[in-house]
Amino acid sequence: DRLLVRGRINFPGYFHGLSYVDNLNQERLKKILGNLRPGLHELMCHIGSENEDPPFFTRHRWADELQTMKTFSKKELEREMGIYVVSYRDGKG
């Protein structure tokens, strides 16, 4: 609570991807990006390589979501959509 009061925690005003958990694909990503309002947004996704070793085996389709997230480059998002990709470290909410 003290960190929040001091203004040290940045958090997005919008959160996307929860309704597509385990199934974020290119069509859904394009829909999300096409409907963004101005502001700081967070997109939930599970990217990585497939892993069937416990405790890391989950139902997430990590490799599919990784490919989905490669649909647009950062430059394309900035130039064509006015979207700037930042990490939680960069976010200035």
PDB file of N, CA and C in Angstrom:
ATOM      1  N   ASP A   1       0.813  -1.195   0.000  1.00  0.00           N
ATOM      2  CA  ASP A   1       0.000   0.000   0.000  1.00  0.00           C
ATOM      3  C   ASP A   1       0.860   1.264   0.000  1.00  0.00           C
ATOM      4  N   ARG A   2       1.944   1.242   0.750  1.00  0.00           N
ATOM      5  CA  ARG A   2       2.794   2.432   0.825  1.00  0.00           C
ATOM      6  C   ARG A   2       3.393   2.769  -0.531  1.00  0.00           C
ATOM      7  N   LEU A   3       3.758   1.752  -1.312  1.00  0.00           N
ATOM      8  CA  LEU A   3       4.317   2.010  -2.635  1.00  0.00           C
ATOM      9  C   LEU A   3       3.284   2.659  -3.545  1.00  0.00           C
ATOM     10  N   LEU A   4       2.061   2.205  -3.466  1.00  0.00           N
ATOM     11  CA  LEU A   4       1.000   2.776  -4.283  1.00  0.00           C
ATOM     12  C   LEU A   4       0.765   4.238  -3.913  1.00  0.00           C
ATOM     13  N   VAL A   5       0.759   4.521  -2.630  1.00  0.00           N
ATOM     14  CA  VAL A   5       0.543   5.889  -2.161  1.00  0.00           C
ATOM     15  C   VAL A   5       1.662   6.798  -2.652  1.00  0.00           C
ATOM     16  N   ARG A   6       2.865   6.313  -2.664  1.00  0.00           N
ATOM     17  CA  ARG A   6       4.001   7.129  -3.100  1.00  0.00           C
ATOM     18  C   ARG A   6       4.076   7.248  -4.622  1.00  0.00           C
ATOM     19  N   GLY A   7       3.196   6.563  -5.332  1.00  0.00           N
ATOM     20  CA  GLY A   7       3.170   6.668  -6.787  1.00  0.00           C
ATOM     21  C   GLY A   7       4.237   5.861  -7.485  1.00  0.00           C
ATOM     22  N   ARG A   8       4.725   4.825  -6.858  1.00  0.00           N
ATOM     23  CA  ARG A   8       5.789   4.031  -7.463  1.00  0.00           C
ATOM     24  C   ARG A   8       5.277   2.824  -8.236  1.00  0.00           C
ATOM     25  N   ILE A   9       4.024   2.564  -8.185  1.00  0.00           N
ATOM     26  CA  ILE A   9       3.475   1.422  -8.918  1.00  0.00           C
ATOM     27  C   ILE A   9       2.678   1.943 -10.102  1.00  0.00           C
ATOM     28  N   ASN A  10       3.097   1.535 -11.294  1.00  0.00           N
ATOM     29  CA  ASN A  10       2.352   1.868 -12.498  1.00  0.00           C
ATOM     30  C   ASN A  10       1.490   0.677 -12.861  1.00  0.00           C
ATOM     31  N   PHE A  11       0.280   0.941 -13.248  1.00  0.00           N
ATOM     32  CA  PHE A  11      -0.590  -0.149 -13.673  1.00  0.00           C
ATOM     33  C   PHE A  11      -1.450   0.340 -14.821  1.00  0.00           C
ATOM     34  N   PRO A  12      -1.833  -0.577 -15.700  1.00  0.00           N
ATOM     35  CA  PRO A  12      -2.592  -0.184 -16.884  1.00  0.00           C
ATOM     36  C   PRO A  12      -4.041   0.146 -16.550  1.00  0.00           C
ATOM     37  N   GLY A  13      -4.618   0.969 -17.394  1.00  0.00           N
ATOM     38  CA  GLY A  13      -6.029   1.273 -17.268  1.00  0.00           C
ATOM     39  C   GLY A  13      -6.905   0.236 -17.951  1.00  0.00           C
ATOM     40  N   TYR A  14      -6.274  -0.585 -18.800  1.00  0.00           N
ATOM     41  CA  TYR A  14      -7.007  -1.588 -19.582  1.00  0.00           C
ATOM     42  C   TYR A  14      -6.252  -2.913 -19.542  1.00  0.00           C
ATOM     43  N   PHE A  15      -6.995  -3.996 -19.527  1.00  0.00           N
ATOM     44  CA  PHE A  15      -6.404  -5.340 -19.500  1.00  0.00           C
ATOM     45  C   PHE A  15      -7.103  -6.190 -20.562  1.00  0.00           C
ATOM     46  N   HIS A  16      -6.324  -6.882 -21.389  1.00  0.00           N
ATOM     47  CA  HIS A  16      -6.871  -7.678 -22.485  1.00  0.00           C
ATOM     48  C   HIS A  16      -6.301  -9.096 -22.452  1.00  0.00           C
ATOM     49  N   GLY A  17      -7.059 -10.027 -22.973  1.00  0.00           N
ATOM     50  CA  GLY A  17      -6.572 -11.383 -23.163  1.00  0.00           C
ATOM     51  C   GLY A  17      -7.160 -12.418 -22.238  1.00  0.00           C
ATOM     52  N   LEU A  18      -7.780 -12.011 -21.158  1.00  0.00           N
ATOM     53  CA  LEU A  18      -8.316 -12.985 -20.211  1.00  0.00           C
ATOM     54  C   LEU A  18      -9.370 -13.874 -20.860  1.00  0.00           C
ATOM     55  N   SER A  19     -10.197 -13.300 -21.703  1.00  0.00           N
ATOM     56  CA  SER A  19     -11.246 -14.104 -22.350  1.00  0.00           C
ATOM     57  C   SER A  19     -10.669 -15.048 -23.403  1.00  0.00           C
ATOM     58  N   TYR A  20      -9.406 -14.853 -23.787  1.00  0.00           N
ATOM     59  CA  TYR A  20      -8.767 -15.725 -24.778  1.00  0.00           C
ATOM     60  C   TYR A  20      -7.691 -16.607 -24.155  1.00  0.00           C
ATOM     61  N   VAL A  21      -7.739 -16.792 -22.854  1.00  0.00           N
ATOM     62  CA  VAL A  21      -6.713 -17.586 -22.193  1.00  0.00           C
ATOM     63  C   VAL A  21      -6.593 -18.942 -22.876  1.00  0.00           C
ATOM     64  N   ASP A  22      -5.385 -19.333 -23.155  1.00  0.00           N
ATOM     65  CA  ASP A  22      -5.060 -20.598 -23.827  1.00  0.00           C
ATOM     66  C   ASP A  22      -5.402 -20.603 -25.305  1.00  0.00           C
ATOM     67  N   ASN A  23      -5.876 -19.496 -25.855  1.00  0.00           N
ATOM     68  CA  ASN A  23      -6.268 -19.531 -27.258  1.00  0.00           C
ATOM     69  C   ASN A  23      -6.165 -18.153 -27.908  1.00  0.00           C
ATOM     70  N   LEU A  24      -5.102 -17.410 -27.624  1.00  0.00           N
ATOM     71  CA  LEU A  24      -4.879 -16.126 -28.274  1.00  0.00           C
ATOM     72  C   LEU A  24      -4.265 -16.415 -29.637  1.00  0.00           C
ATOM     73  N   ASN A  25      -4.974 -16.037 -30.701  1.00  0.00           N
ATOM     74  CA  ASN A  25      -4.460 -16.270 -32.046  1.00  0.00           C
ATOM     75  C   ASN A  25      -4.373 -14.934 -32.783  1.00  0.00           C
ATOM     76  N   GLN A  26      -3.900 -14.973 -34.050  1.00  0.00           N
ATOM     77  CA  GLN A  26      -3.682 -13.745 -34.798  1.00  0.00           C
ATOM     78  C   GLN A  26      -4.974 -12.957 -35.001  1.00  0.00           C
ATOM     79  N   GLU A  27      -6.054 -13.628 -35.298  1.00  0.00           N
ATOM     80  CA  GLU A  27      -7.335 -12.949 -35.505  1.00  0.00           C
ATOM     81  C   GLU A  27      -7.778 -12.216 -34.242  1.00  0.00           C
ATOM     82  N   ARG A  28      -7.647 -12.870 -33.118  1.00  0.00           N
ATOM     83  CA  ARG A  28      -8.047 -12.258 -31.849  1.00  0.00           C
ATOM     84  C   ARG A  28      -7.115 -11.112 -31.457  1.00  0.00           C
ATOM     85  N   LEU A  29      -5.823 -11.279 -31.720  1.00  0.00           N
ATOM     86  CA  LEU A  29      -4.873 -10.208 -31.438  1.00  0.00           C
ATOM     87  C   LEU A  29      -5.198  -8.972 -32.279  1.00  0.00           C
ATOM     88  N   LYS A  30      -5.471  -9.175 -33.557  1.00  0.00           N
ATOM     89  CA  LYS A  30      -5.819  -8.050 -34.433  1.00  0.00           C
ATOM     90  C   LYS A  30      -7.088  -7.355 -33.945  1.00  0.00           C
ATOM     91  N   LYS A  31      -8.053  -8.117 -33.468  1.00  0.00           N
ATOM     92  CA  LYS A  31      -9.297  -7.542 -32.950  1.00  0.00           C
ATOM     93  C   LYS A  31      -9.008  -6.679 -31.719  1.00  0.00           C
ATOM     94  N   ILE A  32      -8.188  -7.204 -30.808  1.00  0.00           N
ATOM     95  CA  ILE A  32      -7.827  -6.449 -29.602  1.00  0.00           C
ATOM     96  C   ILE A  32      -7.126  -5.149 -29.983  1.00  0.00           C
ATOM     97  N   LEU A  33      -6.111  -5.254 -30.845  1.00  0.00           N
ATOM     98  CA  LEU A  33      -5.330  -4.079 -31.218  1.00  0.00           C
ATOM     99  C   LEU A  33      -6.165  -3.049 -31.968  1.00  0.00           C
ATOM    100  N   GLY A  34      -7.110  -3.514 -32.759  1.00  0.00           N
ATOM    101  CA  GLY A  34      -7.958  -2.609 -33.524  1.00  0.00           C
ATOM    102  C   GLY A  34      -8.962  -1.851 -32.685  1.00  0.00           C
ATOM    103  N   ASN A  35      -9.199  -2.293 -31.465  1.00  0.00           N
ATOM    104  CA  ASN A  35     -10.192  -1.658 -30.597  1.00  0.00           C
ATOM    105  C   ASN A  35      -9.591  -0.909 -29.407  1.00  0.00           C
ATOM    106  N   LEU A  36      -8.283  -0.672 -29.423  1.00  0.00           N
ATOM    107  CA  LEU A  36      -7.644  -0.001 -28.291  1.00  0.00           C
ATOM    108  C   LEU A  36      -8.024   1.472 -28.226  1.00  0.00           C
ATOM    109  N   ARG A  37      -8.225   1.943 -27.007  1.00  0.00           N
ATOM    110  CA  ARG A  37      -8.426   3.359 -26.732  1.00  0.00           C
ATOM    111  C   ARG A  37      -7.085   3.934 -26.293  1.00  0.00           C
ATOM    112  N   PRO A  38      -6.938   5.257 -26.350  1.00  0.00           N
ATOM    113  CA  PRO A  38      -5.692   5.848 -25.832  1.00  0.00           C
ATOM    114  C   PRO A  38      -5.491   5.472 -24.365  1.00  0.00           C
ATOM    115  N   GLY A  39      -4.260   5.216 -23.990  1.00  0.00           N
ATOM    116  CA  GLY A  39      -3.944   4.891 -22.604  1.00  0.00           C
ATOM    117  C   GLY A  39      -2.984   3.731 -22.512  1.00  0.00           C
ATOM    118  N   LEU A  40      -2.710   3.323 -21.297  1.00  0.00           N
ATOM    119  CA  LEU A  40      -1.801   2.218 -21.020  1.00  0.00           C
ATOM    120  C   LEU A  40      -2.600   0.930 -20.926  1.00  0.00           C
ATOM    121  N   HIS A  41      -2.218  -0.068 -21.733  1.00  0.00           N
ATOM    122  CA  HIS A  41      -2.927  -1.345 -21.811  1.00  0.00           C
ATOM    123  C   HIS A  41      -1.976  -2.485 -21.459  1.00  0.00           C
ATOM    124  N   GLU A  42      -2.534  -3.546 -20.921  1.00  0.00           N
ATOM    125  CA  GLU A  42      -1.780  -4.780 -20.677  1.00  0.00           C
ATOM    126  C   GLU A  42      -2.445  -5.892 -21.467  1.00  0.00           C
ATOM    127  N   LEU A  43      -1.613  -6.709 -22.122  1.00  0.00           N
ATOM    128  CA  LEU A  43      -2.101  -7.864 -22.871  1.00  0.00           C
ATOM    129  C   LEU A  43      -1.563  -9.119 -22.217  1.00  0.00           C
ATOM    130  N   MET A  44      -2.463  -9.976 -21.759  1.00  0.00           N
ATOM    131  CA  MET A  44      -2.058 -11.237 -21.135  1.00  0.00           C
ATOM    132  C   MET A  44      -1.816 -12.270 -22.217  1.00  0.00           C
ATOM    133  N   CYS A  45      -0.671 -12.891 -22.166  1.00  0.00           N
ATOM    134  CA  CYS A  45      -0.380 -13.996 -23.077  1.00  0.00           C
ATOM    135  C   CYS A  45       0.633 -14.912 -22.400  1.00  0.00           C
ATOM    136  N   HIS A  46       0.709 -16.116 -22.899  1.00  0.00           N
ATOM    137  CA  HIS A  46       1.635 -17.117 -22.365  1.00  0.00           C
ATOM    138  C   HIS A  46       2.527 -17.551 -23.513  1.00  0.00           C
ATOM    139  N   ILE A  47       3.710 -16.972 -23.581  1.00  0.00           N
ATOM    140  CA  ILE A  47       4.604 -17.289 -24.690  1.00  0.00           C
ATOM    141  C   ILE A  47       5.785 -18.112 -24.206  1.00  0.00           C
ATOM    142  N   GLY A  48       6.310 -18.935 -25.084  1.00  0.00           N
ATOM    143  CA  GLY A  48       7.462 -19.755 -24.753  1.00  0.00           C
ATOM    144  C   GLY A  48       7.513 -20.959 -25.656  1.00  0.00           C
ATOM    145  N   SER A  49       8.216 -21.964 -25.197  1.00  0.00           N
ATOM    146  CA  SER A  49       8.276 -23.215 -25.944  1.00  0.00           C
ATOM    147  C   SER A  49       7.514 -24.272 -25.160  1.00  0.00           C
ATOM    148  N   GLU A  50       7.036 -25.252 -25.860  1.00  0.00           N
ATOM    149  CA  GLU A  50       6.258 -26.312 -25.203  1.00  0.00           C
ATOM    150  C   GLU A  50       7.136 -27.044 -24.198  1.00  0.00           C
ATOM    151  N   ASN A  51       6.536 -27.450 -23.098  1.00  0.00           N
ATOM    152  CA  ASN A  51       7.274 -28.131 -22.052  1.00  0.00           C
ATOM    153  C   ASN A  51       6.326 -29.096 -21.360  1.00  0.00           C
ATOM    154  N   GLU A  52       6.644 -30.361 -21.412  1.00  0.00           N
ATOM    155  CA  GLU A  52       5.786 -31.357 -20.784  1.00  0.00           C
ATOM    156  C   GLU A  52       6.354 -31.867 -19.467  1.00  0.00           C
ATOM    157  N   ASP A  53       7.364 -31.174 -18.959  1.00  0.00           N
ATOM    158  CA  ASP A  53       7.974 -31.586 -17.696  1.00  0.00           C
ATOM    159  C   ASP A  53       7.261 -30.931 -16.521  1.00  0.00           C
ATOM    160  N   PRO A  54       6.803 -31.730 -15.556  1.00  0.00           N
ATOM    161  CA  PRO A  54       6.222 -31.137 -14.351  1.00  0.00           C
ATOM    162  C   PRO A  54       7.289 -30.306 -13.646  1.00  0.00           C
ATOM    163  N   PRO A  55       6.990 -29.214 -13.023  1.00  0.00           N
ATOM    164  CA  PRO A  55       5.664 -28.645 -12.793  1.00  0.00           C
ATOM    165  C   PRO A  55       5.260 -27.652 -13.871  1.00  0.00           C
ATOM    166  N   PHE A  56       5.967 -27.624 -14.996  1.00  0.00           N
ATOM    167  CA  PHE A  56       5.728 -26.595 -16.001  1.00  0.00           C
ATOM    168  C   PHE A  56       4.702 -26.975 -17.059  1.00  0.00           C
ATOM    169  N   PHE A  57       4.250 -28.196 -17.063  1.00  0.00           N
ATOM    170  CA  PHE A  57       3.261 -28.595 -18.059  1.00  0.00           C
ATOM    171  C   PHE A  57       1.910 -27.975 -17.694  1.00  0.00           C
ATOM    172  N   THR A  58       1.374 -27.230 -18.606  1.00  0.00           N
ATOM    173  CA  THR A  58       0.059 -26.620 -18.429  1.00  0.00           C
ATOM    174  C   THR A  58      -0.715 -26.792 -19.721  1.00  0.00           C
ATOM    175  N   ARG A  59      -1.929 -26.330 -19.723  1.00  0.00           N
ATOM    176  CA  ARG A  59      -2.718 -26.409 -20.944  1.00  0.00           C
ATOM    177  C   ARG A  59      -2.430 -25.257 -21.883  1.00  0.00           C
ATOM    178  N   HIS A  60      -1.585 -24.315 -21.477  1.00  0.00           N
ATOM    179  CA  HIS A  60      -1.266 -23.176 -22.331  1.00  0.00           C
ATOM    180  C   HIS A  60      -0.565 -23.638 -23.594  1.00  0.00           C
ATOM    181  N   ARG A  61      -0.915 -23.010 -24.701  1.00  0.00           N
ATOM    182  CA  ARG A  61      -0.287 -23.307 -25.990  1.00  0.00           C
ATOM    183  C   ARG A  61       0.785 -22.242 -26.220  1.00  0.00           C
ATOM    184  N   TRP A  62       1.868 -22.369 -25.472  1.00  0.00           N
ATOM    185  CA  TRP A  62       2.913 -21.354 -25.432  1.00  0.00           C
ATOM    186  C   TRP A  62       3.493 -21.063 -26.807  1.00  0.00           C
ATOM    187  N   ALA A  63       3.829 -22.098 -27.555  1.00  0.00           N
ATOM    188  CA  ALA A  63       4.453 -21.898 -28.870  1.00  0.00           C
ATOM    189  C   ALA A  63       3.489 -21.204 -29.829  1.00  0.00           C
ATOM    190  N   ASP A  64       2.210 -21.553 -29.786  1.00  0.00           N
ATOM    191  CA  ASP A  64       1.219 -20.896 -30.640  1.00  0.00           C
ATOM    192  C   ASP A  64       1.091 -19.417 -30.285  1.00  0.00           C
ATOM    193  N   GLU A  65       1.068 -19.114 -29.001  1.00  0.00           N
ATOM    194  CA  GLU A  65       0.952 -17.723 -28.589  1.00  0.00           C
ATOM    195  C   GLU A  65       2.231 -16.944 -28.899  1.00  0.00           C
ATOM    196  N   LEU A  66       3.374 -17.608 -28.850  1.00  0.00           N
ATOM    197  CA  LEU A  66       4.620 -16.960 -29.246  1.00  0.00           C
ATOM    198  C   LEU A  66       4.545 -16.549 -30.713  1.00  0.00           C
ATOM    199  N   GLN A  67       4.066 -17.434 -31.571  1.00  0.00           N
ATOM    200  CA  GLN A  67       3.922 -17.107 -32.993  1.00  0.00           C
ATOM    201  C   GLN A  67       2.921 -15.976 -33.197  1.00  0.00           C
ATOM    202  N   THR A  68       1.849 -15.993 -32.430  1.00  0.00           N
ATOM    203  CA  THR A  68       0.852 -14.916 -32.514  1.00  0.00           C
ATOM    204  C   THR A  68       1.488 -13.575 -32.172  1.00  0.00           C
ATOM    205  N   MET A  69       2.305 -13.542 -31.137  1.00  0.00           N
ATOM    206  CA  MET A  69       2.906 -12.286 -30.714  1.00  0.00           C
ATOM    207  C   MET A  69       3.950 -11.783 -31.708  1.00  0.00           C
ATOM    208  N   LYS A  70       4.357 -12.637 -32.623  1.00  0.00           N
ATOM    209  CA  LYS A  70       5.297 -12.229 -33.677  1.00  0.00           C
ATOM    210  C   LYS A  70       4.568 -11.706 -34.913  1.00  0.00           C
ATOM    211  N   THR A  71       3.243 -11.582 -34.845  1.00  0.00           N
ATOM    212  CA  THR A  71       2.453 -11.109 -35.977  1.00  0.00           C
ATOM    213  C   THR A  71       2.915  -9.730 -36.427  1.00  0.00           C
ATOM    214  N   PHE A  72       3.160  -8.835 -35.493  1.00  0.00           N
ATOM    215  CA  PHE A  72       3.588  -7.476 -35.792  1.00  0.00           C
ATOM    216  C   PHE A  72       4.919  -7.205 -35.110  1.00  0.00           C
ATOM    217  N   SER A  73       5.772  -6.442 -35.780  1.00  0.00           N
ATOM    218  CA  SER A  73       6.996  -5.993 -35.125  1.00  0.00           C
ATOM    219  C   SER A  73       6.670  -4.728 -34.335  1.00  0.00           C
ATOM    220  N   LYS A  74       7.551  -4.352 -33.416  1.00  0.00           N
ATOM    221  CA  LYS A  74       7.345  -3.121 -32.651  1.00  0.00           C
ATOM    222  C   LYS A  74       7.250  -1.928 -33.595  1.00  0.00           C
ATOM    223  N   LYS A  75       8.088  -1.916 -34.636  1.00  0.00           N
ATOM    224  CA  LYS A  75       8.080  -0.804 -35.592  1.00  0.00           C
ATOM    225  C   LYS A  75       6.749  -0.734 -36.333  1.00  0.00           C
ATOM    226  N   GLU A  76       6.209  -1.882 -36.744  1.00  0.00           N
ATOM    227  CA  GLU A  76       4.913  -1.898 -37.427  1.00  0.00           C
ATOM    228  C   GLU A  76       3.811  -1.362 -36.518  1.00  0.00           C
ATOM    229  N   LEU A  77       3.809  -1.807 -35.277  1.00  0.00           N
ATOM    230  CA  LEU A  77       2.784  -1.347 -34.339  1.00  0.00           C
ATOM    231  C   LEU A  77       2.856   0.162 -34.151  1.00  0.00           C
ATOM    232  N   GLU A  78       4.065   0.684 -34.009  1.00  0.00           N
ATOM    233  CA  GLU A  78       4.236   2.119 -33.812  1.00  0.00           C
ATOM    234  C   GLU A  78       3.845   2.896 -35.062  1.00  0.00           C
ATOM    235  N   ARG A  79       4.365   2.482 -36.203  1.00  0.00           N
ATOM    236  CA  ARG A  79       4.160   3.218 -37.448  1.00  0.00           C
ATOM    237  C   ARG A  79       2.726   3.120 -37.956  1.00  0.00           C
ATOM    238  N   GLU A  80       2.161   1.915 -37.951  1.00  0.00           N
ATOM    239  CA  GLU A  80       0.867   1.701 -38.579  1.00  0.00           C
ATOM    240  C   GLU A  80      -0.324   1.870 -37.640  1.00  0.00           C
ATOM    241  N   MET A  81      -0.109   1.688 -36.336  1.00  0.00           N
ATOM    242  CA  MET A  81      -1.237   1.730 -35.409  1.00  0.00           C
ATOM    243  C   MET A  81      -1.069   2.741 -34.282  1.00  0.00           C
ATOM    244  N   GLY A  82       0.113   3.339 -34.179  1.00  0.00           N
ATOM    245  CA  GLY A  82       0.349   4.285 -33.089  1.00  0.00           C
ATOM    246  C   GLY A  82       0.411   3.608 -31.732  1.00  0.00           C
ATOM    247  N   ILE A  83       0.804   2.328 -31.722  1.00  0.00           N
ATOM    248  CA  ILE A  83       0.897   1.550 -30.480  1.00  0.00           C
ATOM    249  C   ILE A  83       2.367   1.415 -30.106  1.00  0.00           C
ATOM    250  N   TYR A  84       2.699   1.765 -28.870  1.00  0.00           N
ATOM    251  CA  TYR A  84       4.071   1.663 -28.388  1.00  0.00           C
ATOM    252  C   TYR A  84       4.152   0.539 -27.371  1.00  0.00           C
ATOM    253  N   VAL A  85       5.026  -0.413 -27.633  1.00  0.00           N
ATOM    254  CA  VAL A  85       5.185  -1.583 -26.771  1.00  0.00           C
ATOM    255  C   VAL A  85       6.222  -1.253 -25.710  1.00  0.00           C
ATOM    256  N   VAL A  86       5.831  -1.455 -24.458  1.00  0.00           N
ATOM    257  CA  VAL A  86       6.732  -1.219 -23.339  1.00  0.00           C
ATOM    258  C   VAL A  86       6.645  -2.400 -22.383  1.00  0.00           C
ATOM    259  N   SER A  87       7.653  -2.553 -21.566  1.00  0.00           N
ATOM    260  CA  SER A  87       7.608  -3.571 -20.523  1.00  0.00           C
ATOM    261  C   SER A  87       7.061  -2.931 -19.265  1.00  0.00           C
ATOM    262  N   TYR A  88       6.821  -3.713 -18.255  1.00  0.00           N
ATOM    263  CA  TYR A  88       6.339  -3.157 -16.990  1.00  0.00           C
ATOM    264  C   TYR A  88       7.360  -2.185 -16.418  1.00  0.00           C
ATOM    265  N   ARG A  89       8.617  -2.342 -16.752  1.00  0.00           N
ATOM    266  CA  ARG A  89       9.661  -1.439 -16.267  1.00  0.00           C
ATOM    267  C   ARG A  89       9.557  -0.063 -16.934  1.00  0.00           C
ATOM    268  N   ASP A  90       9.049  -0.050 -18.190  1.00  0.00           N
ATOM    269  CA  ASP A  90       8.965   1.181 -18.958  1.00  0.00           C
ATOM    270  C   ASP A  90       7.663   1.938 -18.765  1.00  0.00           C
ATOM    271  N   GLY A  91       6.613   1.231 -18.363  1.00  0.00           N
ATOM    272  CA  GLY A  91       5.281   1.821 -18.316  1.00  0.00           C
ATOM    273  C   GLY A  91       5.213   3.048 -17.428  1.00  0.00           C
ATOM    274  N   LYS A  92       4.673   4.080 -17.961  1.00  0.00           N
ATOM    275  CA  LYS A  92       4.492   5.325 -17.213  1.00  0.00           C
ATOM    276  C   LYS A  92       3.000   5.618 -17.194  1.00  0.00           C
ATOM    277  N   GLY A  93       2.274   5.038 -16.210  1.00  0.00           N
ATOM    278  CA  GLY A  93       0.837   5.132 -16.196  1.00  0.00           C
ATOM    279  C   GLY A  93       0.276   6.359 -15.676  1.00  0.00           C
TER     280      GLY A  93
END
